[in-house]
Amino acid sequence: GTTNNGYHALVKGETQCYGYAQLFLRVMDRLGIPCEIVICDDTGEGMGHAWNVVKLDGNWYHLDLTWDDPLPDAPGMARHTYFLKTDMEFKWKFGHDFGWKTETDCKDKTYSQDNIWDDIVSQIIFTDADTMIFRRNEALRSYLCALDIPTGKETVLHSMDYEEILLDGEYYYGYGGSLSLKDGRAWFNSATAIYSIALDGSDLRTEYIYDVASNNRYVFGFSLNGQTLRISLINLQDEVKEVEIALPDDQYHN
């Protein structure tokens, strides 16, 4: 269709799988990294699918931007489940078990086995050339982490338990996975609030609180654009509502 291309993905912010794959291919071309698009005519559900393979250090790996962009759609949400995976991982471990074929073999595990991004549930943000921050969720706890790339040392900047929230008369564990950088601080969310913290893990601030009980929705994700906070709120039916909050310049707000 007219929206299933890289231009529409970049300019309009929405597309289908081929648009994701085409846009990624163009970015890799600009960076000089070998990349191809894989097309499957039928996933077994009467529809096709497309993703990429990319060559790093002489070996090929799969990545699927479409499946790493979670549904329902929400600003600030990203996964790395389908990032730099082998043939075996892609087919059996991560659900791409349909009749696709490539001209390349993706067998090497250097970039796909036990790497840092395996359980990352947010964007990966570089705070400088040697440091990146991200979020992990393990069991019923969420962690904001910083990784020193030259040494491989990972530091937990903040951690918190999932929140037990009441939605439509039943209790539900809600958690957040969004992450953003603003004015030298990391912004992240729980199910009921959005926080910011200094990049050394100090000075935790509550930037926004959402009334879950009154609205039967919780904070699913968020993004920042200047002084505008864009929040995705979700209910138990996976219906997303977006709201925009104008942030004050000099004060924090509830």
Protein backbone atom coordinates (compact mmCIF):
# COMPACT_ATOMS: atom_id res chain seq x y z
CA GLY A 1 0.00 0.00 0.00
CA THR A 2 0.94 3.68 -0.21
CA THR A 3 1.86 3.75 3.49
CA ASN A 4 4.05 0.62 3.39
CA ASN A 5 7.34 2.32 2.63
CA GLY A 6 10.27 3.94 4.39
CA TYR A 7 9.23 7.48 3.46
CA HIS A 8 5.87 7.12 5.18
CA ALA A 9 7.56 5.58 8.24
CA LEU A 10 9.97 8.50 8.57
CA VAL A 11 7.71 11.41 7.61
CA LYS A 12 4.29 10.26 8.86
CA GLY A 13 5.41 8.07 11.73
CA GLU A 14 3.37 5.05 10.68
CA THR A 15 3.82 2.18 8.25
CA GLN A 16 3.67 -1.60 7.85
CA CYS A 17 6.46 -4.16 8.01
CA TYR A 18 7.99 -3.42 4.60
CA GLY A 19 8.15 0.27 5.46
CA TYR A 20 10.08 -0.52 8.65
CA ALA A 21 12.47 -2.77 6.71
CA GLN A 22 12.97 -0.29 3.87
CA LEU A 23 13.72 2.59 6.23
CA PHE A 24 16.23 0.49 8.18
CA LEU A 25 17.88 -0.58 4.92
CA ARG A 26 18.35 3.06 3.91
CA VAL A 27 19.87 3.93 7.28
CA MET A 28 22.30 1.00 7.06
CA ASP A 29 23.23 2.02 3.51
CA ARG A 30 24.14 5.48 4.78
CA LEU A 31 26.30 3.92 7.52
CA GLY A 32 28.01 1.54 5.10
CA ILE A 33 26.70 -1.57 6.90
CA PRO A 34 25.62 -4.47 4.64
CA CYS A 35 21.88 -5.01 5.01
CA GLU A 36 19.12 -6.83 3.14
CA ILE A 37 15.35 -7.10 3.32
CA VAL A 38 13.80 -10.53 3.89
CA ILE A 39 10.31 -11.05 2.49
CA CYS A 40 8.00 -13.90 3.43
CA ASP A 41 4.91 -14.32 1.26
CA ASP A 42 2.79 -16.03 3.91
CA THR A 43 3.29 -16.30 7.67
CA GLY A 44 0.61 -18.97 7.85
CA GLU A 45 -2.09 -16.43 8.63
CA GLY A 46 -2.77 -15.35 5.06
CA MET A 47 -0.44 -12.37 5.13
CA GLY A 48 3.16 -11.61 4.28
CA HIS A 49 5.90 -10.13 6.40
CA ALA A 50 9.23 -8.35 5.94
CA TRP A 51 12.27 -7.73 8.12
CA ASN A 52 16.04 -7.27 7.77
CA VAL A 53 19.29 -9.15 7.99
CA VAL A 54 22.43 -7.16 8.73
CA LYS A 55 26.13 -8.09 8.48
CA LEU A 56 28.44 -7.32 11.41
CA ASP A 57 32.06 -8.48 11.65
CA GLY A 58 31.57 -10.89 8.77
CA ASN A 59 28.42 -12.55 10.14
CA TRP A 60 24.72 -12.04 9.38
CA TYR A 61 21.95 -11.50 11.94
CA HIS A 62 18.18 -11.04 11.80
CA LEU A 63 16.34 -8.06 13.23
CA ASP A 64 12.65 -7.22 13.05
CA LEU A 65 11.76 -3.60 13.75
CA THR A 66 8.05 -4.26 13.28
CA TRP A 67 7.81 -6.88 16.00
CA ASP A 68 10.02 -4.80 18.31
CA ASP A 69 7.58 -1.89 18.05
CA PRO A 70 4.95 -3.08 20.56
CA LEU A 71 1.22 -3.17 20.06
CA PRO A 72 -0.83 -1.39 21.10
CA ASP A 73 1.14 1.53 19.76
CA ALA A 74 2.40 3.95 22.39
CA PRO A 75 4.93 6.80 22.33
CA GLY A 76 8.23 5.91 23.90
CA MET A 77 7.79 2.12 23.81
CA ALA A 78 10.40 -0.14 22.21
CA ARG A 79 11.73 -3.66 22.64
CA HIS A 80 14.90 -5.49 21.59
CA THR A 81 13.52 -9.03 21.51
CA TYR A 82 14.12 -9.50 17.77
CA PHE A 83 17.44 -7.65 17.56
CA LEU A 84 20.52 -9.38 16.06
CA LYS A 85 19.31 -12.98 16.22
CA THR A 86 20.41 -16.25 14.62
CA ASP A 87 18.28 -18.36 12.29
CA MET A 88 17.52 -20.77 15.10
CA GLU A 89 16.60 -18.07 17.59
CA PHE A 90 14.46 -16.28 15.07
CA LYS A 91 12.52 -19.39 14.05
CA TRP A 92 12.09 -21.34 17.24
CA LYS A 93 12.70 -19.06 20.20
CA PHE A 94 11.05 -15.92 18.90
CA GLY A 95 8.17 -17.14 16.80
CA HIS A 96 9.22 -16.53 13.19
CA ASP A 97 8.49 -20.18 12.43
CA PHE A 98 7.13 -19.80 8.92
CA GLY A 99 8.52 -20.71 5.53
CA TRP A 100 10.95 -17.90 4.94
CA LYS A 101 14.28 -18.35 3.20
CA THR A 102 17.29 -16.08 2.85
CA GLU A 103 20.38 -16.22 0.70
CA THR A 104 22.43 -15.70 3.86
CA ASP A 105 22.96 -17.96 6.85
CA CYS A 106 22.60 -16.32 10.25
CA LYS A 107 24.38 -18.82 12.46
CA ASP A 108 26.90 -16.86 14.50
CA LYS A 109 25.93 -16.22 18.13
CA THR A 110 28.43 -13.49 18.91
CA TYR A 111 25.86 -10.70 18.84
CA SER A 112 22.76 -12.66 19.72
CA GLN A 113 23.42 -14.92 22.69
CA ASP A 114 23.45 -13.58 26.26
CA ASN A 115 23.92 -9.98 25.21
CA ILE A 116 22.89 -6.96 27.22
CA TRP A 117 19.84 -6.12 25.15
CA ASP A 118 18.10 -9.47 25.59
CA ASP A 119 15.80 -8.23 28.36
CA ILE A 120 15.87 -4.49 27.69
CA VAL A 121 12.34 -3.09 27.56
CA SER A 122 13.05 0.51 26.62
CA GLN A 123 15.03 2.65 24.25
CA ILE A 124 18.82 2.50 24.52
CA ILE A 125 20.04 6.07 25.01
CA PHE A 126 23.66 7.18 24.75
CA THR A 127 24.38 9.85 27.35
CA ASP A 128 27.91 10.27 26.00
CA ALA A 129 30.30 8.36 23.73
CA ASP A 130 31.06 5.74 26.40
CA THR A 131 27.82 5.42 28.37
CA MET A 132 24.32 4.27 27.58
CA ILE A 133 21.21 3.95 29.74
CA PHE A 134 18.25 1.60 29.41
CA ARG A 135 15.57 -0.23 31.40
CA ARG A 136 15.28 -3.90 32.31
CA ASN A 137 12.33 -5.73 33.80
CA GLU A 138 13.07 -8.89 35.76
CA ALA A 139 10.45 -10.85 37.71
CA LEU A 140 8.29 -8.13 39.27
CA ARG A 141 10.93 -5.43 39.45
CA SER A 142 12.06 -2.74 37.03
CA TYR A 143 15.62 -1.42 36.79
CA LEU A 144 17.08 1.73 35.28
CA CYS A 145 20.66 0.89 34.32
CA ALA A 146 23.76 2.60 32.95
CA LEU A 147 26.44 0.71 31.02
CA ASP A 148 30.03 1.89 30.74
CA ILE A 149 30.84 0.57 27.27
CA PRO A 150 34.68 0.41 27.45
CA THR A 151 34.66 -1.60 30.69
CA GLY A 152 31.33 -3.39 30.33
CA LYS A 153 30.39 -2.36 33.87
CA GLU A 154 26.66 -2.03 34.43
CA THR A 155 25.29 0.15 37.26
CA VAL A 156 21.72 0.24 38.55
CA LEU A 157 20.67 3.88 38.84
CA HIS A 158 17.24 3.11 40.27
CA SER A 159 14.94 0.14 40.82
CA MET A 160 11.30 -0.26 41.81
CA ASP A 161 8.71 -2.98 42.22
CA TYR A 162 5.82 -3.32 39.80
CA GLU A 163 2.80 -1.52 41.20
CA GLU A 164 -0.35 -3.42 42.09
CA ILE A 165 -3.15 -1.28 40.68
CA LEU A 166 -6.92 -1.66 40.66
CA LEU A 167 -8.54 -1.60 37.21
CA ASP A 168 -12.21 -2.41 36.57
CA GLY A 169 -12.55 -4.04 39.96
CA GLU A 170 -9.55 -6.37 39.71
CA TYR A 171 -5.95 -6.04 40.77
CA TYR A 172 -3.29 -5.91 38.09
CA TYR A 173 0.49 -5.52 38.12
CA GLY A 174 1.40 -2.53 35.99
CA TYR A 175 4.84 -1.43 34.93
CA GLY A 176 6.41 1.07 32.58
CA GLY A 177 9.10 0.67 29.99
CA SER A 178 9.66 4.12 28.53
CA LEU A 179 12.84 6.13 28.87
CA SER A 180 13.85 9.60 27.70
CA LEU A 181 16.60 12.13 28.25
CA LYS A 182 15.87 15.77 29.04
CA ASP A 183 18.14 18.49 30.39
CA GLY A 184 20.75 15.98 31.50
CA ARG A 185 18.26 13.82 33.41
CA ALA A 186 16.77 10.40 32.69
CA TRP A 187 12.96 10.34 32.61
CA PHE A 188 11.13 7.04 33.16
CA ASN A 189 7.69 5.83 34.19
CA SER A 190 5.87 3.46 36.47
CA ALA A 191 2.20 2.52 36.06
CA THR A 192 1.09 5.59 37.98
CA ALA A 193 3.77 8.25 37.59
CA ILE A 194 6.62 9.68 35.57
CA TYR A 195 9.94 10.41 37.25
CA SER A 196 13.29 11.96 36.46
CA ILE A 197 16.67 11.23 37.98
CA ALA A 198 20.20 12.57 37.64
CA LEU A 199 22.50 10.41 35.53
CA ASP A 200 24.50 9.38 38.60
CA GLY A 201 21.36 7.94 40.21
CA SER A 202 20.79 10.84 42.63
CA ASP A 203 18.00 13.39 43.02
CA LEU A 204 14.92 11.35 42.11
CA ARG A 205 11.97 13.62 41.27
CA THR A 206 8.30 12.88 40.63
CA GLU A 207 7.40 14.82 37.49
CA TYR A 208 3.80 13.71 36.97
CA ILE A 209 1.24 11.58 38.84
CA TYR A 210 -1.72 9.93 37.12
CA ASP A 211 -4.94 9.01 38.93
CA VAL A 212 -5.30 5.36 37.90
CA ALA A 213 -8.21 4.54 40.19
CA SER A 214 -10.48 7.28 38.84
CA ASN A 215 -9.77 6.59 35.18
CA ASN A 216 -9.35 2.78 34.97
CA ARG A 217 -6.20 3.24 32.93
CA TYR A 218 -2.51 3.20 33.76
CA VAL A 219 0.61 4.80 32.26
CA PHE A 220 1.84 2.51 29.49
CA GLY A 221 4.48 4.77 27.96
CA PHE A 222 5.48 8.35 27.28
CA SER A 223 7.65 10.56 25.13
CA LEU A 224 9.05 14.08 25.48
CA ASN A 225 9.07 16.82 22.88
CA GLY A 226 10.49 20.01 24.29
CA GLN A 227 8.17 21.05 27.10
CA THR A 228 5.41 18.68 26.01
CA LEU A 229 4.94 15.37 27.81
CA ARG A 230 2.99 12.89 25.66
CA ILE A 231 1.55 10.02 27.72
CA SER A 232 -0.05 6.76 26.58
CA LEU A 233 -2.72 5.42 28.94
CA ILE A 234 -4.01 1.87 28.56
CA ASN A 235 -6.89 -0.15 29.99
CA LEU A 236 -7.37 -3.90 30.40
CA GLN A 237 -8.82 -4.11 26.88
CA ASP A 238 -5.52 -2.80 25.45
CA GLU A 239 -7.22 0.41 24.33
CA VAL A 240 -4.78 3.31 24.30
CA LYS A 241 -5.63 6.92 25.03
CA GLU A 242 -3.03 9.63 24.53
CA VAL A 243 -2.83 12.87 26.46
CA GLU A 244 -0.42 15.76 26.18
CA ILE A 245 0.79 17.69 29.21
CA ALA A 246 2.56 21.04 28.95
CA LEU A 247 5.51 20.99 31.34
CA PRO A 248 6.28 24.16 33.27
CA ASP A 249 9.74 25.57 32.74
CA ASP A 250 10.75 26.08 36.34
CA GLN A 251 8.74 23.76 38.54
CA TYR A 252 7.60 20.17 38.89
CA HIS A 253 3.96 19.31 38.93
CA ASN A 254 1.40 16.70 39.90
